[in-house]
């Protein structure tokens, strides 16, 4: 399986067009896309989760990370919504998305459902 985590950082690209072209080329090859709603909005201008899901009809499993909002998942045509846990005091959000992705993939590799 090929997994892609979008993690768009504009300063790392020569232009937004170069980033878009590279992302489209990679996304055409993936089985699982771990996407962040904010990154999809910044790169492609998608206004909501429905636009994100509609943009990737051929990807079998799309996981849309939305920070403190519920995570949305489309897997093999089924949709899931996984509520975010409430955290009273956030100390540091560094690598929060990466940590989520690692835990999600570990669970899926062990046979867990989306």
N, C-alpha and C. Protein backbone atom coordinates (compact mmCIF):
# COMPACT_ATOMS: atom_id res chain seq x y z
N UNK A 1 0.84 -1.19 0.00
CA UNK A 1 0.00 0.00 0.00
C UNK A 1 0.88 1.25 0.00
N UNK A 2 0.41 2.24 -0.68
CA UNK A 2 1.10 3.53 -0.73
C UNK A 2 0.26 4.54 0.05
N UNK A 3 0.90 5.21 1.01
CA UNK A 3 0.23 6.18 1.87
C UNK A 3 0.86 7.55 1.65
N UNK A 4 0.02 8.57 1.60
CA UNK A 4 0.49 9.94 1.42
C UNK A 4 -0.12 10.83 2.48
N UNK A 5 0.72 11.64 3.12
CA UNK A 5 0.29 12.64 4.10
C UNK A 5 0.62 14.00 3.51
N UNK A 6 -0.39 14.84 3.30
CA UNK A 6 -0.16 16.05 2.51
C UNK A 6 0.80 17.07 3.13
N UNK A 7 0.66 17.48 4.35
CA UNK A 7 1.61 18.35 5.04
C UNK A 7 2.19 19.46 4.16
N UNK A 8 1.33 20.27 3.55
CA UNK A 8 1.74 21.35 2.64
C UNK A 8 2.36 22.51 3.40
N UNK A 9 3.57 22.90 2.99
CA UNK A 9 4.26 24.06 3.55
C UNK A 9 4.70 24.93 2.38
N UNK A 10 4.01 26.05 2.13
CA UNK A 10 4.27 26.88 0.95
C UNK A 10 5.74 27.28 0.78
N UNK A 11 6.43 27.58 1.86
CA UNK A 11 7.82 28.06 1.75
C UNK A 11 8.77 27.00 1.20
N UNK A 12 8.34 25.75 1.18
CA UNK A 12 9.19 24.68 0.67
C UNK A 12 9.04 24.45 -0.84
N UNK A 13 8.16 25.21 -1.47
CA UNK A 13 7.89 25.03 -2.89
C UNK A 13 8.26 26.28 -3.67
N UNK A 14 8.68 26.09 -4.91
CA UNK A 14 9.00 27.23 -5.78
C UNK A 14 7.75 28.05 -6.09
N UNK A 15 6.62 27.36 -6.20
CA UNK A 15 5.35 28.04 -6.47
C UNK A 15 4.20 27.13 -6.07
N UNK A 16 3.03 27.72 -5.93
CA UNK A 16 1.85 26.92 -5.61
C UNK A 16 1.53 25.98 -6.77
N UNK A 17 1.77 26.43 -8.00
CA UNK A 17 1.52 25.56 -9.16
C UNK A 17 2.42 24.33 -9.16
N UNK A 18 3.67 24.51 -8.76
CA UNK A 18 4.60 23.37 -8.69
C UNK A 18 4.13 22.38 -7.62
N UNK A 19 3.68 22.90 -6.49
CA UNK A 19 3.18 22.04 -5.42
C UNK A 19 1.93 21.29 -5.87
N UNK A 20 1.02 21.99 -6.51
CA UNK A 20 -0.21 21.34 -6.99
C UNK A 20 0.10 20.22 -7.97
N UNK A 21 1.00 20.48 -8.90
CA UNK A 21 1.36 19.46 -9.90
C UNK A 21 1.96 18.23 -9.23
N UNK A 22 2.87 18.45 -8.28
CA UNK A 22 3.50 17.33 -7.58
C UNK A 22 2.48 16.55 -6.77
N UNK A 23 1.61 17.24 -6.06
CA UNK A 23 0.61 16.57 -5.25
C UNK A 23 -0.32 15.74 -6.13
N UNK A 24 -0.78 16.32 -7.24
CA UNK A 24 -1.67 15.57 -8.13
C UNK A 24 -0.98 14.32 -8.67
N UNK A 25 0.28 14.42 -9.02
CA UNK A 25 1.01 13.26 -9.53
C UNK A 25 1.11 12.16 -8.47
N UNK A 26 1.41 12.54 -7.25
CA UNK A 26 1.54 11.56 -6.16
C UNK A 26 0.18 10.98 -5.80
N UNK A 27 -0.82 11.84 -5.66
CA UNK A 27 -2.15 11.37 -5.24
C UNK A 27 -2.77 10.39 -6.23
N UNK A 28 -2.34 10.44 -7.47
CA UNK A 28 -2.85 9.49 -8.47
C UNK A 28 -2.34 8.07 -8.22
N UNK A 29 -1.35 7.92 -7.34
CA UNK A 29 -0.72 6.63 -7.10
C UNK A 29 -0.99 6.04 -5.72
N UNK A 30 -1.73 6.74 -4.86
CA UNK A 30 -1.85 6.29 -3.47
C UNK A 30 -3.08 5.44 -3.21
N UNK A 31 -2.97 4.63 -2.17
CA UNK A 31 -4.09 3.82 -1.69
C UNK A 31 -4.77 4.49 -0.50
N UNK A 32 -3.98 5.17 0.32
CA UNK A 32 -4.49 5.86 1.50
C UNK A 32 -3.95 7.28 1.50
N UNK A 33 -4.86 8.24 1.58
CA UNK A 33 -4.46 9.65 1.67
C UNK A 33 -4.81 10.17 3.05
N UNK A 34 -3.82 10.63 3.77
CA UNK A 34 -4.00 11.24 5.09
C UNK A 34 -3.89 12.75 4.86
N UNK A 35 -5.02 13.40 4.82
CA UNK A 35 -5.08 14.81 4.44
C UNK A 35 -5.50 15.69 5.60
N UNK A 36 -4.96 16.88 5.63
CA UNK A 36 -5.35 17.87 6.62
C UNK A 36 -6.22 18.90 5.91
N UNK A 37 -7.38 19.16 6.47
CA UNK A 37 -8.33 20.07 5.83
C UNK A 37 -7.70 21.44 5.58
N UNK A 38 -6.95 21.96 6.53
CA UNK A 38 -6.31 23.27 6.36
C UNK A 38 -5.32 23.27 5.20
N UNK A 39 -4.55 22.19 5.06
CA UNK A 39 -3.58 22.11 3.96
C UNK A 39 -4.29 22.01 2.61
N UNK A 40 -5.37 21.27 2.55
CA UNK A 40 -6.14 21.14 1.31
C UNK A 40 -6.75 22.49 0.92
N UNK A 41 -7.21 23.23 1.90
CA UNK A 41 -7.77 24.57 1.65
C UNK A 41 -6.67 25.51 1.14
N UNK A 42 -5.51 25.49 1.79
CA UNK A 42 -4.42 26.38 1.41
C UNK A 42 -3.88 26.07 0.02
N UNK A 43 -3.77 24.81 -0.32
CA UNK A 43 -3.17 24.42 -1.59
C UNK A 43 -4.16 24.45 -2.75
N UNK A 44 -5.35 23.92 -2.53
CA UNK A 44 -6.31 23.78 -3.63
C UNK A 44 -7.54 24.68 -3.52
N UNK A 45 -7.72 25.31 -2.37
CA UNK A 45 -8.87 26.19 -2.21
C UNK A 45 -10.18 25.49 -1.90
N UNK A 46 -10.11 24.21 -1.51
CA UNK A 46 -11.34 23.50 -1.16
C UNK A 46 -11.98 24.16 0.05
N UNK A 47 -13.28 24.36 -0.03
CA UNK A 47 -13.98 25.09 1.03
C UNK A 47 -14.49 24.20 2.15
N UNK A 48 -14.69 22.92 1.86
CA UNK A 48 -15.22 22.03 2.89
C UNK A 48 -14.81 20.59 2.61
N UNK A 49 -15.16 19.72 3.52
CA UNK A 49 -14.76 18.31 3.42
C UNK A 49 -15.36 17.62 2.20
N UNK A 50 -16.55 18.02 1.80
CA UNK A 50 -17.17 17.39 0.63
C UNK A 50 -16.36 17.66 -0.63
N UNK A 51 -15.82 18.86 -0.74
CA UNK A 51 -14.99 19.17 -1.90
C UNK A 51 -13.69 18.36 -1.87
N UNK A 52 -13.15 18.16 -0.69
CA UNK A 52 -11.93 17.36 -0.58
C UNK A 52 -12.22 15.92 -1.01
N UNK A 53 -13.26 15.32 -0.47
CA UNK A 53 -13.58 13.94 -0.84
C UNK A 53 -13.89 13.82 -2.33
N UNK A 54 -14.59 14.80 -2.89
CA UNK A 54 -14.94 14.77 -4.31
C UNK A 54 -13.70 14.86 -5.19
N UNK A 55 -12.66 15.50 -4.70
CA UNK A 55 -11.44 15.67 -5.49
C UNK A 55 -10.65 14.37 -5.66
N UNK A 56 -10.91 13.37 -4.82
CA UNK A 56 -10.13 12.14 -4.83
C UNK A 56 -11.03 10.90 -4.92
N UNK A 57 -11.79 10.79 -6.00
CA UNK A 57 -12.74 9.67 -6.08
C UNK A 57 -12.10 8.30 -6.24
N UNK A 58 -10.87 8.24 -6.72
CA UNK A 58 -10.24 6.94 -6.97
C UNK A 58 -9.37 6.44 -5.82
N UNK A 59 -9.19 7.27 -4.79
CA UNK A 59 -8.39 6.84 -3.65
C UNK A 59 -9.28 6.02 -2.72
N UNK A 60 -8.87 4.79 -2.43
CA UNK A 60 -9.70 3.86 -1.66
C UNK A 60 -9.99 4.36 -0.25
N UNK A 61 -9.01 5.00 0.38
CA UNK A 61 -9.16 5.41 1.78
C UNK A 61 -8.64 6.84 1.94
N UNK A 62 -9.54 7.74 2.26
CA UNK A 62 -9.18 9.14 2.47
C UNK A 62 -9.51 9.49 3.92
N UNK A 63 -8.51 9.95 4.65
CA UNK A 63 -8.66 10.35 6.05
C UNK A 63 -8.47 11.85 6.09
N UNK A 64 -9.49 12.56 6.55
CA UNK A 64 -9.43 14.02 6.59
C UNK A 64 -9.31 14.48 8.03
N UNK A 65 -8.09 14.93 8.36
CA UNK A 65 -7.80 15.42 9.71
C UNK A 65 -8.26 16.87 9.81
N UNK A 66 -8.97 17.19 10.90
CA UNK A 66 -9.56 18.53 11.03
C UNK A 66 -9.30 19.16 12.39
N UNK A 67 -8.14 18.91 12.95
CA UNK A 67 -7.77 19.52 14.23
C UNK A 67 -8.69 19.10 15.36
N UNK A 68 -9.30 20.06 16.00
CA UNK A 68 -10.18 19.78 17.14
C UNK A 68 -11.56 19.27 16.72
N UNK A 69 -11.85 19.32 15.42
CA UNK A 69 -13.12 18.79 14.91
C UNK A 69 -12.98 17.31 14.60
N UNK A 70 -14.10 16.64 14.44
CA UNK A 70 -14.10 15.21 14.15
C UNK A 70 -13.30 14.90 12.89
N UNK A 71 -12.62 13.78 12.91
CA UNK A 71 -11.90 13.27 11.75
C UNK A 71 -12.94 12.60 10.84
N UNK A 72 -12.84 12.86 9.55
CA UNK A 72 -13.77 12.26 8.59
C UNK A 72 -13.00 11.28 7.73
N UNK A 73 -13.61 10.12 7.50
CA UNK A 73 -12.93 9.06 6.75
C UNK A 73 -13.89 8.50 5.70
N UNK A 74 -13.35 8.32 4.49
CA UNK A 74 -14.08 7.59 3.45
C UNK A 74 -13.21 6.40 3.10
N UNK A 75 -13.77 5.21 3.30
CA UNK A 75 -13.02 3.98 3.04
C UNK A 75 -13.90 3.01 2.26
N UNK A 76 -13.44 2.69 1.05
CA UNK A 76 -14.17 1.75 0.20
C UNK A 76 -15.65 2.14 0.08
N UNK A 77 -15.92 3.42 -0.07
CA UNK A 77 -17.28 3.91 -0.28
C UNK A 77 -18.06 4.19 0.99
N UNK A 78 -17.59 3.73 2.13
CA UNK A 78 -18.27 4.00 3.40
C UNK A 78 -17.69 5.25 4.03
N UNK A 79 -18.53 5.94 4.82
CA UNK A 79 -18.07 7.15 5.51
C UNK A 79 -18.11 6.93 7.01
N UNK A 80 -17.11 7.50 7.67
CA UNK A 80 -17.01 7.42 9.13
C UNK A 80 -16.69 8.80 9.67
N UNK A 81 -17.18 9.08 10.85
CA UNK A 81 -16.82 10.30 11.56
C UNK A 81 -16.33 9.90 12.94
N UNK A 82 -15.12 10.29 13.26
CA UNK A 82 -14.51 9.93 14.54
C UNK A 82 -14.31 11.21 15.33
N UNK A 83 -15.05 11.37 16.43
CA UNK A 83 -14.92 12.62 17.20
C UNK A 83 -13.53 12.79 17.79
N UNK A 84 -13.10 14.04 17.85
CA UNK A 84 -11.83 14.35 18.48
C UNK A 84 -12.00 14.33 19.99
N UNK A 85 -10.96 13.94 20.67
CA UNK A 85 -10.99 13.97 22.13
C UNK A 85 -10.77 15.41 22.60
N UNK A 86 -11.52 15.80 23.61
CA UNK A 86 -11.37 17.14 24.16
C UNK A 86 -10.16 17.16 25.08
N UNK A 87 -9.29 18.13 24.86
CA UNK A 87 -8.10 18.30 25.68
C UNK A 87 -8.25 19.63 26.40
N UNK A 88 -8.20 19.58 27.71
CA UNK A 88 -8.41 20.80 28.50
C UNK A 88 -7.29 21.82 28.33
N UNK A 89 -6.05 21.36 28.39
CA UNK A 89 -4.93 22.28 28.28
C UNK A 89 -3.95 21.76 27.23
N UNK A 90 -3.93 22.41 26.09
CA UNK A 90 -2.99 22.04 25.03
C UNK A 90 -1.66 22.70 25.34
N UNK A 91 -0.61 21.90 25.41
CA UNK A 91 0.71 22.41 25.74
C UNK A 91 1.51 22.68 24.46
N UNK A 92 1.47 21.75 23.52
CA UNK A 92 2.27 21.88 22.30
C UNK A 92 1.62 21.02 21.22
N UNK A 93 1.35 21.60 20.06
CA UNK A 93 0.73 20.83 18.98
C UNK A 93 1.75 20.31 17.97
N UNK A 94 3.04 20.47 18.25
CA UNK A 94 4.08 19.99 17.34
C UNK A 94 3.88 18.49 17.07
N UNK A 95 3.82 18.14 15.82
CA UNK A 95 3.70 16.76 15.34
C UNK A 95 2.38 16.10 15.69
N UNK A 96 1.36 16.89 16.03
CA UNK A 96 0.06 16.30 16.35
C UNK A 96 -0.50 15.52 15.16
N UNK A 97 -0.44 16.10 13.97
CA UNK A 97 -0.94 15.41 12.78
C UNK A 97 -0.13 14.17 12.46
N UNK A 98 1.18 14.27 12.60
CA UNK A 98 2.04 13.11 12.34
C UNK A 98 1.76 11.99 13.34
N UNK A 99 1.55 12.36 14.59
CA UNK A 99 1.24 11.37 15.63
C UNK A 99 -0.08 10.68 15.34
N UNK A 100 -1.08 11.48 14.92
CA UNK A 100 -2.37 10.91 14.55
C UNK A 100 -2.19 9.92 13.41
N UNK A 101 -1.46 10.34 12.38
CA UNK A 101 -1.27 9.47 11.21
C UNK A 101 -0.57 8.17 11.59
N UNK A 102 0.44 8.26 12.43
CA UNK A 102 1.16 7.06 12.87
C UNK A 102 0.23 6.11 13.62
N UNK A 103 -0.57 6.65 14.52
CA UNK A 103 -1.49 5.81 15.29
C UNK A 103 -2.57 5.20 14.39
N UNK A 104 -3.08 5.99 13.46
CA UNK A 104 -4.10 5.50 12.54
C UNK A 104 -3.55 4.34 11.71
N UNK A 105 -2.37 4.54 11.13
CA UNK A 105 -1.78 3.49 10.30
C UNK A 105 -1.42 2.25 11.11
N UNK A 106 -0.91 2.44 12.31
CA UNK A 106 -0.60 1.29 13.18
C UNK A 106 -1.86 0.48 13.46
N UNK A 107 -2.95 1.17 13.74
CA UNK A 107 -4.21 0.49 14.01
C UNK A 107 -4.70 -0.26 12.76
N UNK A 108 -4.63 0.37 11.61
CA UNK A 108 -5.09 -0.27 10.37
C UNK A 108 -4.22 -1.49 10.04
N UNK A 109 -2.90 -1.38 10.25
CA UNK A 109 -2.01 -2.50 9.98
C UNK A 109 -2.28 -3.69 10.89
N UNK A 110 -2.80 -3.40 12.09
CA UNK A 110 -3.15 -4.47 13.03
C UNK A 110 -4.56 -4.99 12.81
N UNK A 111 -5.22 -4.53 11.74
CA UNK A 111 -6.56 -5.01 11.40
C UNK A 111 -7.69 -4.18 11.93
N UNK A 112 -7.39 -3.01 12.52
CA UNK A 112 -8.44 -2.13 13.03
C UNK A 112 -9.27 -1.53 11.90
N UNK A 113 -10.50 -1.22 12.20
CA UNK A 113 -11.37 -0.60 11.21
C UNK A 113 -11.08 0.91 11.14
N UNK A 114 -11.48 1.53 10.04
CA UNK A 114 -11.28 2.99 9.96
C UNK A 114 -11.95 3.71 11.11
